[in-house]
Amino acid sequence: MAVQQQAASRPAGVPSAALPIRRREASLWADAWRRLLKNKAAVMGGIIIIVIIL
C-alpha cells in the first residue's frame, strides 16, 4: 500500500525564505493591560478605589 505525501502549500518557484512569517509582537504587559480593559467590572473597581483614595 503506497502512501502519498503532499508538500506544504506555497506558490511554485517562490523560495520559503521569501515568504514573510507573521508573528504577534505583544509584550506581557501590553497583553495584561488589554485584558484588564476588557473587564468592565475591574475597570470600575479601579476607578472607585482611586476616587476613594483621593
Protein backbone atom coordinates (compact mmCIF):
# COMPACT_ATOMS: atom_id res chain seq x y z
CA MET A 1 0.00 0.00 0.00
CA ALA A 2 1.51 3.29 -1.09
CA VAL A 3 1.22 6.48 0.92
CA GLN A 4 1.48 9.82 -0.84
CA GLN A 5 2.52 12.95 0.99
CA GLN A 6 1.77 16.49 -0.10
CA ALA A 7 4.34 19.24 0.32
CA ALA A 8 3.44 22.40 2.23
CA SER A 9 1.39 24.73 0.07
CA ARG A 10 3.30 27.69 -1.33
CA PRO A 11 3.40 29.21 -4.79
CA ALA A 12 5.63 27.36 -7.22
CA GLY A 13 9.02 28.95 -7.75
CA VAL A 14 8.92 31.00 -4.53
CA PRO A 15 11.64 30.10 -2.06
CA SER A 16 10.50 29.59 1.51
CA ALA A 17 12.74 32.43 2.74
CA ALA A 18 10.78 34.92 0.60
CA LEU A 19 7.53 34.26 2.44
CA PRO A 20 7.11 36.54 5.48
CA ILE A 21 6.41 34.97 8.84
CA ARG A 22 3.75 36.86 10.73
CA ARG A 23 4.14 36.94 14.46
CA ARG A 24 2.14 38.78 17.03
CA GLU A 25 4.52 41.23 18.71
CA ALA A 26 2.86 41.96 22.04
CA SER A 27 4.65 42.21 25.36
CA LEU A 28 3.38 40.59 28.51
CA TRP A 29 2.41 44.00 29.93
CA ALA A 30 0.53 45.03 26.78
CA ASP A 31 -1.41 41.78 26.83
CA ALA A 32 -2.26 42.17 30.53
CA TRP A 33 -3.37 45.79 30.04
CA ARG A 34 -5.59 44.87 27.08
CA ARG A 35 -7.22 42.05 29.05
CA LEU A 36 -7.78 44.35 32.04
CA LEU A 37 -9.51 46.97 29.89
CA LYS A 38 -11.88 44.31 28.50
CA ASN A 39 -13.01 43.52 32.06
CA LYS A 40 -15.52 46.30 32.82
CA ALA A 41 -16.01 45.30 36.47
CA ALA A 42 -12.26 45.51 37.12
CA VAL A 43 -12.03 48.94 35.47
CA MET A 44 -14.97 50.26 37.51
CA GLY A 45 -13.49 48.81 40.70
CA GLY A 46 -10.16 50.51 39.96
CA ILE A 47 -11.89 53.84 39.35
CA ILE A 48 -13.82 53.54 42.62
CA ILE A 49 -10.65 52.73 44.57
CA ILE A 50 -8.83 55.72 43.03
CA VAL A 51 -11.76 58.04 43.89
CA ILE A 52 -11.81 56.78 47.50
CA ILE A 53 -8.05 57.32 47.84
CA LEU A 54 -8.30 60.87 46.53
